[in-house]
Each structure stands twice: as C-alpha cells, then as structure tokens.
Amino acid sequence: MTSWQIVRVVAGIFILVSLALGVPGSPMFVSQWWLAFTAFVGANLLQSGVTRWCVMESVLRRLGVHKGD
C-alpha cells in the first residue's frame, strides 16, 4: 500500500471506532468525549486536503513507505 492509502484507511478506522465508542446508542459506548477524537480526525483530513501536507504521511514516508501516484 502507498502512504496516501494507509492514511485514508487509518483515518477511516479511527472515525468508525471513535463513533462506536462515542455514540450513546452504540453497544460499545464509553463516553461522548470520543466524538472529539472524530472531530480531530476530520479536521486533520480537511487541513491535509487544503494544504496538501499530512503529518501521518510524512511519518510514513520517513519509515520507508512509498508515496504512490
């Protein structure tokens, strides 16, 4: 997988897990504060879309993951 694919997969997993932990109707509910993590991930996706720079992608590139097309 390329770095941009990994970023999107991880972001999707983070969003789904934090929603499962933060929505009161969920069987996995822990606290509504998990929704703040969902907002954080969304804000980072928005920022990386506007600035074309993503911290996680930079870290993955330093670890040797290829950028891709």
N, C-alpha and C. Protein backbone atom coordinates (compact mmCIF):
# COMPACT_ATOMS: atom_id res chain seq x y z
N MET A 1 0.84 -1.18 0.00
CA MET A 1 0.00 0.00 0.00
C MET A 1 0.88 1.25 0.00
N THR A 2 0.38 2.28 -0.60
CA THR A 2 1.11 3.54 -0.61
C THR A 2 0.75 4.37 0.62
N SER A 3 1.53 5.41 0.88
CA SER A 3 1.32 6.21 2.09
C SER A 3 -0.05 6.88 2.10
N TRP A 4 -0.52 7.37 0.97
CA TRP A 4 -1.83 8.04 0.96
C TRP A 4 -2.95 7.04 1.19
N GLN A 5 -2.79 5.79 0.75
CA GLN A 5 -3.80 4.77 1.01
C GLN A 5 -3.83 4.41 2.50
N ILE A 6 -2.66 4.28 3.10
CA ILE A 6 -2.58 3.95 4.53
C ILE A 6 -3.22 5.06 5.36
N VAL A 7 -2.96 6.31 5.02
CA VAL A 7 -3.54 7.44 5.75
C VAL A 7 -5.06 7.37 5.71
N ARG A 8 -5.62 7.11 4.56
CA ARG A 8 -7.07 7.06 4.43
C ARG A 8 -7.68 5.86 5.14
N VAL A 9 -7.03 4.72 5.09
CA VAL A 9 -7.52 3.53 5.81
C VAL A 9 -7.49 3.77 7.31
N VAL A 10 -6.38 4.30 7.82
CA VAL A 10 -6.25 4.56 9.25
C VAL A 10 -7.27 5.61 9.69
N ALA A 11 -7.45 6.67 8.91
CA ALA A 11 -8.43 7.70 9.25
C ALA A 11 -9.84 7.11 9.30
N GLY A 12 -10.17 6.27 8.35
CA GLY A 12 -11.48 5.62 8.35
C GLY A 12 -11.68 4.73 9.56
N ILE A 13 -10.66 3.98 9.92
CA ILE A 13 -10.75 3.12 11.11
C ILE A 13 -10.91 3.97 12.36
N PHE A 14 -10.09 5.04 12.48
CA PHE A 14 -10.20 5.93 13.65
C PHE A 14 -11.60 6.51 13.76
N ILE A 15 -12.18 6.95 12.66
CA ILE A 15 -13.51 7.56 12.69
C ILE A 15 -14.56 6.54 13.10
N LEU A 16 -14.53 5.36 12.50
CA LEU A 16 -15.53 4.34 12.84
C LEU A 16 -15.43 3.89 14.29
N VAL A 17 -14.21 3.68 14.78
CA VAL A 17 -14.03 3.25 16.16
C VAL A 17 -14.45 4.34 17.14
N SER A 18 -14.05 5.59 16.86
CA SER A 18 -14.41 6.66 17.78
C SER A 18 -15.91 6.92 17.78
N LEU A 19 -16.57 6.73 16.65
CA LEU A 19 -18.03 6.84 16.63
C LEU A 19 -18.68 5.71 17.43
N ALA A 20 -18.16 4.51 17.28
CA ALA A 20 -18.70 3.38 18.05
C ALA A 20 -18.53 3.59 19.56
N LEU A 21 -17.44 4.23 19.94
CA LEU A 21 -17.18 4.48 21.36
C LEU A 21 -17.87 5.74 21.89
N GLY A 22 -18.30 6.63 21.00
CA GLY A 22 -18.82 7.92 21.43
C GLY A 22 -20.31 8.15 21.27
N VAL A 23 -20.98 7.32 20.48
CA VAL A 23 -22.42 7.50 20.26
C VAL A 23 -23.17 6.73 21.34
N PRO A 24 -24.02 7.41 22.09
CA PRO A 24 -24.71 6.76 23.22
C PRO A 24 -25.52 5.51 22.85
N GLY A 25 -26.03 5.42 21.64
CA GLY A 25 -26.82 4.25 21.24
C GLY A 25 -25.99 3.04 20.86
N SER A 26 -24.67 3.20 20.80
CA SER A 26 -23.80 2.11 20.39
C SER A 26 -23.60 1.10 21.52
N PRO A 27 -23.55 -0.19 21.17
CA PRO A 27 -23.28 -1.20 22.22
C PRO A 27 -21.87 -1.10 22.80
N MET A 28 -20.97 -0.38 22.12
CA MET A 28 -19.60 -0.22 22.59
C MET A 28 -19.38 1.14 23.25
N PHE A 29 -20.46 1.87 23.55
CA PHE A 29 -20.38 3.23 24.09
C PHE A 29 -19.52 3.28 25.35
N VAL A 30 -18.62 4.27 25.40
CA VAL A 30 -17.77 4.52 26.56
C VAL A 30 -18.03 5.92 27.08
N SER A 31 -17.85 6.92 26.21
CA SER A 31 -18.02 8.31 26.61
C SER A 31 -18.25 9.15 25.35
N GLN A 32 -19.04 10.23 25.49
CA GLN A 32 -19.26 11.10 24.35
C GLN A 32 -18.00 11.89 23.98
N TRP A 33 -17.01 11.90 24.85
CA TRP A 33 -15.75 12.58 24.55
C TRP A 33 -15.02 11.95 23.37
N TRP A 34 -15.35 10.70 23.03
CA TRP A 34 -14.74 10.08 21.85
C TRP A 34 -15.13 10.82 20.57
N LEU A 35 -16.25 11.54 20.59
CA LEU A 35 -16.65 12.30 19.41
C LEU A 35 -15.68 13.45 19.14
N ALA A 36 -14.99 13.92 20.17
CA ALA A 36 -13.96 14.95 19.97
C ALA A 36 -12.82 14.37 19.13
N PHE A 37 -12.50 13.10 19.32
CA PHE A 37 -11.47 12.45 18.50
C PHE A 37 -11.93 12.36 17.05
N THR A 38 -13.21 12.07 16.85
CA THR A 38 -13.76 12.04 15.49
C THR A 38 -13.59 13.40 14.83
N ALA A 39 -13.90 14.47 15.57
CA ALA A 39 -13.75 15.83 15.04
C ALA A 39 -12.28 16.14 14.75
N PHE A 40 -11.37 15.67 15.59
CA PHE A 40 -9.94 15.89 15.38
C PHE A 40 -9.47 15.23 14.09
N VAL A 41 -9.89 14.00 13.86
CA VAL A 41 -9.50 13.29 12.63
C VAL A 41 -10.08 14.01 11.41
N GLY A 42 -11.35 14.42 11.49
CA GLY A 42 -11.96 15.16 10.39
C GLY A 42 -11.26 16.47 10.10
N ALA A 43 -10.88 17.19 11.16
CA ALA A 43 -10.16 18.46 10.98
C ALA A 43 -8.80 18.23 10.33
N ASN A 44 -8.14 17.16 10.70
CA ASN A 44 -6.84 16.86 10.08
C ASN A 44 -7.00 16.48 8.61
N LEU A 45 -8.06 15.75 8.27
CA LEU A 45 -8.31 15.42 6.87
C LEU A 45 -8.60 16.69 6.07
N LEU A 46 -9.38 17.59 6.65
CA LEU A 46 -9.66 18.86 5.99
C LEU A 46 -8.39 19.68 5.79
N GLN A 47 -7.58 19.77 6.83
CA GLN A 47 -6.32 20.52 6.75
C GLN A 47 -5.40 19.93 5.70
N SER A 48 -5.28 18.60 5.65
CA SER A 48 -4.37 17.99 4.67
C SER A 48 -4.90 18.16 3.25
N GLY A 49 -6.21 18.21 3.10
CA GLY A 49 -6.78 18.45 1.77
C GLY A 49 -6.53 19.85 1.26
N VAL A 50 -6.54 20.81 2.18
CA VAL A 50 -6.35 22.21 1.79
C VAL A 50 -4.87 22.53 1.60
N THR A 51 -4.02 22.05 2.52
CA THR A 51 -2.60 22.41 2.47
C THR A 51 -1.75 21.41 1.70
N ARG A 52 -2.31 20.25 1.38
CA ARG A 52 -1.59 19.16 0.72
C ARG A 52 -0.40 18.68 1.55
N TRP A 53 -0.51 18.76 2.89
CA TRP A 53 0.51 18.27 3.80
C TRP A 53 -0.15 17.51 4.94
N CYS A 54 0.33 16.32 5.22
CA CYS A 54 -0.24 15.47 6.25
C CYS A 54 0.89 14.93 7.13
N VAL A 55 0.74 15.12 8.43
CA VAL A 55 1.78 14.67 9.37
C VAL A 55 1.98 13.16 9.27
N MET A 56 0.88 12.41 9.28
CA MET A 56 1.00 10.95 9.24
C MET A 56 1.68 10.47 7.96
N GLU A 57 1.37 11.11 6.86
CA GLU A 57 2.01 10.72 5.60
C GLU A 57 3.50 11.03 5.65
N SER A 58 3.88 12.14 6.27
CA SER A 58 5.30 12.47 6.42
C SER A 58 6.02 11.41 7.26
N VAL A 59 5.38 10.97 8.33
CA VAL A 59 5.96 9.93 9.19
C VAL A 59 6.09 8.62 8.42
N LEU A 60 5.06 8.25 7.68
CA LEU A 60 5.11 7.02 6.89
C LEU A 60 6.21 7.07 5.84
N ARG A 61 6.39 8.23 5.22
CA ARG A 61 7.45 8.37 4.22
C ARG A 61 8.82 8.18 4.85
N ARG A 62 9.00 8.71 6.07
CA ARG A 62 10.29 8.54 6.77
C ARG A 62 10.52 7.08 7.15
N LEU A 63 9.44 6.33 7.34
CA LEU A 63 9.55 4.92 7.67
C LEU A 63 9.78 4.06 6.42
N GLY A 64 9.78 4.70 5.25
CA GLY A 64 10.11 3.97 4.03
C GLY A 64 8.92 3.58 3.19
N VAL A 65 7.73 4.02 3.52
CA VAL A 65 6.55 3.71 2.72
C VAL A 65 6.55 4.59 1.48
N HIS A 66 6.26 4.02 0.32
CA HIS A 66 6.26 4.78 -0.94
C HIS A 66 5.04 5.69 -1.01
N LYS A 67 5.24 6.86 -1.62
CA LYS A 67 4.17 7.85 -1.74
C LYS A 67 3.08 7.38 -2.70
N GLY A 68 3.45 6.81 -3.79
CA GLY A 68 2.46 6.37 -4.80
C GLY A 68 2.08 7.51 -5.71
N ASP A 69 1.07 7.25 -6.56
CA ASP A 69 0.64 8.27 -7.53
C ASP A 69 -0.47 9.11 -7.00
